[in-house]
């Protein structure tokens, strides 16, 4: 079910105002992630209550740190269907989940927070999980 764009615009803005680049087509996803070098955060945004309550605020908190991914992307599940499908193709071994937050290194997934790891937890807890992943994979000299 597609929601009217004016309804979801604030949900999109909650990430894009942080400098997260929105990928709205499969071609944009392919260009951004297809030959990716370095680290990339991919947030599967959604209308889901746990997105608003936990996922988006967790991303905002985690991105305040010095150690963070080089590239920041988001797709919107249930809205930008082809872009979301294309992004999920990079999440090998994980079923579709929204919201979800993936960390990729050189185009391959190194950390995934699925809905069940976001829902029912505080934004601070989720942000701490992201911060740990950033420290492991985004810091200078971090191992894959």
Protein backbone atom coordinates (compact mmCIF):
# COMPACT_ATOMS: atom_id res chain seq x y z
CA UNK A 1 0.00 0.00 0.00
CA UNK A 2 1.41 3.31 -1.06
CA UNK A 3 0.88 6.24 1.27
CA UNK A 4 0.39 9.78 -0.03
CA UNK A 5 3.75 11.50 -0.43
CA UNK A 6 2.82 14.46 1.83
CA UNK A 7 2.19 11.98 4.64
CA UNK A 8 5.59 10.31 4.41
CA UNK A 9 7.67 13.37 3.47
CA UNK A 10 8.52 14.10 7.14
CA UNK A 11 9.64 10.48 7.55
CA UNK A 12 11.92 10.83 4.53
CA UNK A 13 13.21 14.18 5.83
CA UNK A 14 14.06 12.72 9.22
CA UNK A 15 16.96 10.90 7.52
CA UNK A 16 17.82 13.16 4.59
CA UNK A 17 18.34 16.17 6.85
CA UNK A 18 21.14 14.13 8.46
CA UNK A 19 22.91 13.86 5.11
CA UNK A 20 21.53 10.40 4.28
CA UNK A 21 21.05 10.15 0.52
CA UNK A 22 17.71 8.82 -0.55
CA UNK A 23 17.77 6.20 -3.30
CA UNK A 24 14.39 6.12 -4.99
CA UNK A 25 15.02 3.91 -8.02
CA UNK A 26 16.72 0.59 -8.68
CA UNK A 27 19.18 2.44 -10.95
CA UNK A 28 20.16 4.77 -8.10
CA UNK A 29 20.73 1.77 -5.83
CA UNK A 30 22.82 0.02 -8.48
CA UNK A 31 24.93 3.13 -8.98
CA UNK A 32 25.44 3.74 -5.25
CA UNK A 33 26.01 0.16 -4.10
CA UNK A 34 27.01 -1.73 -7.23
CA UNK A 35 30.71 -0.90 -7.17
CA UNK A 36 30.83 0.51 -3.67
CA UNK A 37 34.17 1.00 -1.99
CA UNK A 38 34.44 1.66 1.71
CA UNK A 39 31.60 1.56 4.20
CA UNK A 40 27.96 2.32 3.49
CA UNK A 41 24.98 2.48 5.81
CA UNK A 42 21.67 1.56 4.18
CA UNK A 43 18.52 2.33 6.16
CA UNK A 44 15.31 0.65 5.03
CA UNK A 45 12.89 3.32 6.18
CA UNK A 46 9.19 2.62 6.68
CA UNK A 47 5.92 3.93 8.02
CA UNK A 48 6.10 1.32 10.79
CA UNK A 49 5.87 2.74 14.30
CA UNK A 50 9.20 1.20 15.30
CA UNK A 51 10.85 3.18 12.49
CA UNK A 52 9.70 6.45 13.97
CA UNK A 53 10.15 5.44 17.57
CA UNK A 54 13.47 3.60 17.35
CA UNK A 55 15.18 3.24 13.96
CA UNK A 56 15.34 6.79 12.62
CA UNK A 57 16.27 8.35 15.99
CA UNK A 58 18.90 5.62 16.50
CA UNK A 59 20.48 6.44 13.16
CA UNK A 60 20.47 10.15 14.05
CA UNK A 61 22.22 9.44 17.35
CA UNK A 62 24.77 7.03 15.88
CA UNK A 63 25.71 9.49 13.14
CA UNK A 64 26.71 12.10 15.72
CA UNK A 65 29.87 10.09 16.39
CA UNK A 66 33.24 10.69 14.78
CA UNK A 67 33.47 7.09 13.57
CA UNK A 68 30.76 6.47 11.00
CA UNK A 69 30.29 5.05 7.51
CA UNK A 70 31.67 6.89 4.51
CA UNK A 71 28.38 6.66 2.60
CA UNK A 72 24.84 7.03 3.93
CA UNK A 73 21.80 5.80 2.01
CA UNK A 74 18.14 5.12 2.57
CA UNK A 75 15.33 3.43 0.68
CA UNK A 76 11.67 3.59 1.69
CA UNK A 77 9.90 0.24 1.99
CA UNK A 78 6.35 0.20 0.71
CA UNK A 79 6.94 3.41 -1.24
CA UNK A 80 9.96 3.09 -3.48
CA UNK A 81 9.39 -0.58 -4.25
CA UNK A 82 12.04 -1.17 -6.91
CA UNK A 83 14.72 0.71 -4.97
CA UNK A 84 13.94 -1.27 -1.84
CA UNK A 85 14.02 -4.57 -3.74
CA UNK A 86 17.36 -3.61 -5.30
CA UNK A 87 18.85 -2.64 -1.92
CA UNK A 88 17.65 -5.86 -0.31
CA UNK A 89 19.50 -7.83 -3.01
CA UNK A 90 22.70 -6.71 -1.24
CA UNK A 91 21.47 -8.09 2.09
CA UNK A 92 22.41 -11.70 1.30
CA UNK A 93 21.13 -14.15 3.88
CA UNK A 94 18.57 -11.80 5.41
CA UNK A 95 14.83 -11.85 4.70
CA UNK A 96 13.06 -8.59 3.85
CA UNK A 97 12.56 -6.54 6.99
CA UNK A 98 11.39 -3.01 7.56
CA UNK A 99 12.66 -1.11 9.18
CA UNK A 100 16.18 -2.49 8.95
CA UNK A 101 19.65 -1.04 8.95
CA UNK A 102 22.51 -2.58 7.01
CA UNK A 103 26.20 -1.77 7.11
CA UNK A 104 28.12 -2.77 4.01
CA UNK A 105 31.85 -2.75 3.44
CA UNK A 106 33.07 -2.80 -0.15
CA UNK A 107 29.56 -3.80 -1.24
CA UNK A 108 29.19 -6.75 1.10
CA UNK A 109 27.07 -6.86 4.22
CA UNK A 110 28.98 -6.86 7.51
CA UNK A 111 26.18 -5.96 9.97
CA UNK A 112 22.40 -6.11 9.77
CA UNK A 113 19.85 -4.90 12.27
CA UNK A 114 16.50 -6.40 11.38
CA UNK A 115 13.11 -5.28 12.57
CA UNK A 116 13.11 -7.81 15.43
CA UNK A 117 16.38 -6.25 16.66
CA UNK A 118 14.89 -2.74 16.54
CA UNK A 119 11.28 -3.22 17.62
CA UNK A 120 10.72 -3.10 21.38
CA UNK A 121 14.14 -1.63 22.11
CA UNK A 122 15.06 1.97 22.80
CA UNK A 123 16.61 4.20 20.17
CA UNK A 124 19.64 4.46 22.47
CA UNK A 125 20.08 0.67 22.50
CA UNK A 126 19.84 0.50 18.71
CA UNK A 127 22.24 3.47 18.37
CA UNK A 128 24.71 1.65 20.62
CA UNK A 129 24.50 -1.40 18.34
CA UNK A 130 25.20 0.83 15.36
CA UNK A 131 28.08 2.56 17.15
CA UNK A 132 29.67 -0.82 17.90
CA UNK A 133 29.33 -1.83 14.25
CA UNK A 134 30.85 1.49 13.15
CA UNK A 135 33.78 0.98 15.53
CA UNK A 136 34.36 -2.55 14.16
CA UNK A 137 34.04 -1.74 10.48
CA UNK A 138 34.42 2.01 9.87
CA UNK A 139 37.33 3.02 12.08
CA UNK A 140 40.74 3.48 10.46
CA UNK A 141 42.35 0.07 10.25
CA UNK A 142 39.07 -1.73 11.04
CA UNK A 143 38.94 -5.37 9.99
CA UNK A 144 36.29 -6.67 7.62
